[in-house]
C-alpha atoms as a PDB file:
ATOM      1  CA  MET A   1    -122.977-104.933 -18.727  1.00  0.00           C
ATOM      2  CA  SER A   2    -119.548-104.389 -17.469  1.00  0.00           C
ATOM      3  CA  ILE A   3    -117.725-100.484 -18.238  1.00  0.00           C
ATOM      4  CA  ARG A   4    -115.588-102.661 -20.732  1.00  0.00           C
ATOM      5  CA  THR A   5    -118.236-104.008 -22.785  1.00  0.00           C
ATOM      6  CA  GLU A   6    -120.109-101.024 -22.983  1.00  0.00           C
ATOM      7  CA  ARG A   7    -116.829 -99.254 -23.908  1.00  0.00           C
ATOM      8  CA  VAL A   8    -116.333-101.210 -26.573  1.00  0.00           C
ATOM      9  CA  ALA A   9    -120.016-101.650 -27.872  1.00  0.00           C
ATOM     10  CA  SER A  10    -120.008 -98.064 -28.359  1.00  0.00           C
ATOM     11  CA  MET A  11    -116.681 -97.905 -29.902  1.00  0.00           C
ATOM     12  CA  LEU A  12    -117.896-100.972 -32.583  1.00  0.00           C
ATOM     13  CA  GLN A  13    -120.950 -98.447 -33.026  1.00  0.00           C
ATOM     14  CA  ARG A  14    -119.162 -95.653 -33.939  1.00  0.00           C
ATOM     15  CA  GLU A  15    -116.776 -97.663 -36.044  1.00  0.00           C
ATOM     16  CA  ILE A  16    -119.017 -99.414 -38.124  1.00  0.00           C
ATOM     17  CA  ALA A  17    -121.539 -96.354 -38.466  1.00  0.00           C
ATOM     18  CA  GLU A  18    -117.853 -94.737 -40.130  1.00  0.00           C
ATOM     19  CA  ILE A  19    -117.263 -98.216 -42.023  1.00  0.00           C
ATOM     20  CA  LEU A  20    -120.791 -98.130 -43.552  1.00  0.00           C
ATOM     21  CA  ARG A  21    -120.644 -94.695 -44.354  1.00  0.00           C
ATOM     22  CA  LEU A  22    -117.519 -93.999 -45.940  1.00  0.00           C
ATOM     23  CA  GLU A  23    -117.086 -98.092 -47.342  1.00  0.00           C
ATOM     24  CA  PHE A  24    -120.267 -98.976 -48.583  1.00  0.00           C
ATOM     25  CA  SER A  25    -122.826 -96.489 -49.022  1.00  0.00           C
ATOM     26  CA  GLY A  26    -122.580 -96.843 -52.957  1.00  0.00           C
ATOM     27  CA  GLU A  27    -123.603-100.382 -52.911  1.00  0.00           C
ATOM     28  CA  LEU A  28    -126.107-100.590 -49.791  1.00  0.00           C
ATOM     29  CA  GLN A  29    -129.570 -99.649 -51.371  1.00  0.00           C
ATOM     30  CA  SER A  30    -131.174 -98.061 -48.599  1.00  0.00           C
ATOM     31  CA  MET A  31    -129.879 -95.504 -45.577  1.00  0.00           C
ATOM     32  CA  ILE A  32    -128.495 -96.927 -42.904  1.00  0.00           C
ATOM     33  CA  THR A  33    -128.226 -96.396 -39.344  1.00  0.00           C
ATOM     34  CA  VAL A  34    -126.385 -98.125 -36.674  1.00  0.00           C
ATOM     35  CA  THR A  35    -128.871 -97.445 -33.381  1.00  0.00           C
ATOM     36  CA  GLY A  36    -126.822 -99.719 -30.841  1.00  0.00           C
ATOM     37  CA  VAL A  37    -124.711-102.366 -30.264  1.00  0.00           C
ATOM     38  CA  ARG A  38    -124.341-105.071 -27.471  1.00  0.00           C
ATOM     39  CA  VAL A  39    -121.204-107.586 -26.945  1.00  0.00           C
ATOM     40  CA  THR A  40    -121.316-110.768 -25.564  1.00  0.00           C
ATOM     41  CA  LYS A  41    -118.767-110.662 -22.067  1.00  0.00           C
ATOM     42  CA  ASP A  42    -116.565-112.572 -23.830  1.00  0.00           C
ATOM     43  CA  ILE A  43    -116.544-109.789 -26.711  1.00  0.00           C
ATOM     44  CA  GLY A  44    -116.883-112.548 -29.260  1.00  0.00           C
ATOM     45  CA  THR A  45    -119.848-111.440 -30.776  1.00  0.00           C
ATOM     46  CA  ALA A  46    -121.481-108.371 -31.459  1.00  0.00           C
ATOM     47  CA  TYR A  47    -125.186-107.602 -31.990  1.00  0.00           C
ATOM     48  CA  VAL A  48    -125.356-104.416 -34.061  1.00  0.00           C
ATOM     49  CA  TYR A  49    -129.108-103.046 -34.484  1.00  0.00           C
ATOM     50  CA  VAL A  50    -129.985-101.345 -37.508  1.00  0.00           C
ATOM     51  CA  SER A  51    -132.441 -98.349 -38.254  1.00  0.00           C
ATOM     52  CA  VAL A  52    -133.421 -98.990 -42.166  1.00  0.00           C
ATOM     53  CA  TYR A  53    -134.846 -95.061 -43.661  1.00  0.00           C
ATOM     54  CA  GLY A  54    -136.611 -94.876 -46.387  1.00  0.00           C
ATOM     55  CA  ALA A  55    -137.753 -98.262 -47.528  1.00  0.00           C
ATOM     56  CA  PRO A  56    -140.473 -99.998 -47.180  1.00  0.00           C
ATOM     57  CA  ASP A  57    -140.964-102.779 -45.038  1.00  0.00           C
ATOM     58  CA  SER A  58    -140.546-105.230 -47.194  1.00  0.00           C
ATOM     59  CA  ASN A  59    -137.241-103.881 -48.310  1.00  0.00           C
ATOM     60  CA  LYS A  60    -135.714-103.488 -44.697  1.00  0.00           C
ATOM     61  CA  GLU A  61    -135.815-107.138 -44.394  1.00  0.00           C
ATOM     62  CA  ALA A  62    -133.546-107.339 -47.784  1.00  0.00           C
ATOM     63  CA  ALA A  63    -131.408-104.243 -46.826  1.00  0.00           C
ATOM     64  CA  ILE A  64    -130.728-106.608 -43.310  1.00  0.00           C
ATOM     65  CA  ASP A  65    -129.695-109.344 -45.353  1.00  0.00           C
ATOM     66  CA  GLU A  66    -127.257-106.779 -47.912  1.00  0.00           C
ATOM     67  CA  LEU A  67    -125.470-105.879 -44.711  1.00  0.00           C
ATOM     68  CA  LYS A  68    -125.410-109.680 -43.667  1.00  0.00           C
ATOM     69  CA  SER A  69    -123.592-110.927 -46.698  1.00  0.00           C
ATOM     70  CA  PHE A  70    -121.073-107.761 -46.553  1.00  0.00           C
ATOM     71  CA  SER A  71    -120.468-108.366 -42.957  1.00  0.00           C
ATOM     72  CA  LYS A  72    -117.213-110.467 -43.497  1.00  0.00           C
ATOM     73  CA  ARG A  73    -116.033-107.595 -45.472  1.00  0.00           C
ATOM     74  CA  ILE A  74    -117.409-105.032 -42.673  1.00  0.00           C
ATOM     75  CA  ARG A  75    -115.381-106.927 -39.986  1.00  0.00           C
ATOM     76  CA  LYS A  76    -112.022-107.139 -42.122  1.00  0.00           C
ATOM     77  CA  SER A  77    -112.614-103.282 -42.208  1.00  0.00           C
ATOM     78  CA  LEU A  78    -112.858-102.948 -38.659  1.00  0.00           C
ATOM     79  CA  ALA A  79    -110.391-105.224 -38.115  1.00  0.00           C
ATOM     80  CA  LYS A  80    -107.568-102.292 -39.399  1.00  0.00           C
ATOM     81  CA  LYS A  81    -109.696 -99.751 -37.477  1.00  0.00           C
ATOM     82  CA  ILE A  82    -109.422-101.014 -34.209  1.00  0.00           C
ATOM     83  CA  ARG A  83    -105.913-103.429 -34.594  1.00  0.00           C
ATOM     84  CA  HIS A  84    -104.208-101.524 -31.340  1.00  0.00           C
ATOM     85  CA  GLN A  85    -107.769-101.591 -29.046  1.00  0.00           C
ATOM     86  CA  LEU A  86    -109.312-105.183 -29.590  1.00  0.00           C
ATOM     87  CA  LYS A  87    -107.098-108.437 -29.340  1.00  0.00           C
ATOM     88  CA  GLY A  88    -109.831-109.903 -31.452  1.00  0.00           C
ATOM     89  CA  VAL A  89    -112.376-108.575 -33.751  1.00  0.00           C
ATOM     90  CA  PRO A  90    -116.579-109.890 -32.647  1.00  0.00           C
ATOM     91  CA  GLU A  91    -118.230-111.849 -35.294  1.00  0.00           C
ATOM     92  CA  LEU A  92    -120.824-109.652 -36.296  1.00  0.00           C
ATOM     93  CA  LYS A  93    -124.896-110.047 -36.353  1.00  0.00           C
ATOM     94  CA  PHE A  94    -127.281-107.331 -37.811  1.00  0.00           C
ATOM     95  CA  PHE A  95    -130.868-107.106 -36.083  1.00  0.00           C
ATOM     96  CA  LEU A  96    -133.301-104.348 -37.160  1.00  0.00           C
ATOM     97  CA  ASP A  97    -133.952-101.881 -34.946  1.00  0.00           C
ATOM     98  CA  ASN A  98    -137.851-101.101 -34.619  1.00  0.00           C
ATOM     99  CA  THR A  99    -137.527 -98.934 -31.882  1.00  0.00           C
ATOM    100  CA  LEU A 100    -139.077 -95.409 -34.225  1.00  0.00           C
ATOM    101  CA  ASN A 101    -141.849 -97.808 -35.262  1.00  0.00           C
ATOM    102  CA  GLU A 102    -143.102 -98.782 -32.200  1.00  0.00           C
ATOM    103  CA  ALA A 103    -142.941 -95.154 -30.723  1.00  0.00           C
ATOM    104  CA  ALA A 104    -144.330 -93.517 -33.783  1.00  0.00           C
ATOM    105  CA  ARG A 105    -147.782 -96.529 -33.062  1.00  0.00           C
ATOM    106  CA  LEU A 106    -147.615 -95.809 -29.944  1.00  0.00           C
ATOM    107  CA  GLU A 107    -147.869 -92.251 -29.805  1.00  0.00           C
ATOM    108  CA  GLU A 108    -150.717 -92.999 -32.290  1.00  0.00           C
ATOM    109  CA  LEU A 109    -152.196 -94.932 -29.940  1.00  0.00           C
ATOM    110  CA  PHE A 110    -152.107 -92.709 -26.850  1.00  0.00           C
ATOM    111  CA  GLY A 111    -153.106 -89.981 -29.629  1.00  0.00           C
ATOM    112  CA  LYS A 112    -156.471 -91.899 -30.391  1.00  0.00           C
ATOM    113  CA  ILE A 113    -156.920 -92.471 -26.569  1.00  0.00           C
ATOM    114  CA  HIS A 114    -156.976 -89.345 -25.812  1.00  0.00           C
ATOM    115  CA  ALA A 115    -159.502 -88.167 -28.423  1.00  0.00           C
ATOM    116  CA  GLU A 116    -161.490 -90.258 -27.489  1.00  0.00           C
ATOM    117  CA  THR A 117    -161.755 -89.711 -23.319  1.00  0.00           C
ATOM    118  CA  PRO A 118    -164.211 -86.834 -22.373  1.00  0.00           C
ATOM    119  CA  SER A 119    -162.395 -83.764 -21.109  1.00  0.00           C
ATOM    120  CA  ASP A 120    -165.358 -83.123 -18.324  1.00  0.00           C
ATOM    121  CA  ASP A 121    -161.862 -82.794 -15.995  1.00  0.00           C
ATOM    122  CA  PRO A 122    -161.785 -79.201 -15.704  1.00  0.00           C
ATOM    123  CA  ILE A 123    -158.004 -80.082 -15.017  1.00  0.00           C
ATOM    124  CA  THR A 124    -157.206 -81.219 -18.025  1.00  0.00           C
END
């Protein structure tokens, strides 16, 4: 990404997180955190990655669908906030970010491997 797209992505992440926290907290069924935003070169589309906390895996997809249904309203609120910074507001596409789940799973696997490995080596 170029410096401009990185700055726009960072700004969008902050603004979308604030919009979700202030305007949509009562309507959302789960606690949602915006973990990252990636924008296309022409800044026409923003890929918004979110984590859903306190919900089983089946409800996480429902939370993403809920965000997708709010997409137009979120975009309209975003337009009010960034109207002086960008010419147009990018289309928002929401995705579930499973990074934390994957990291926990890998940590568990490494723990199992470490427990199964004989410790004959005096260094470890």
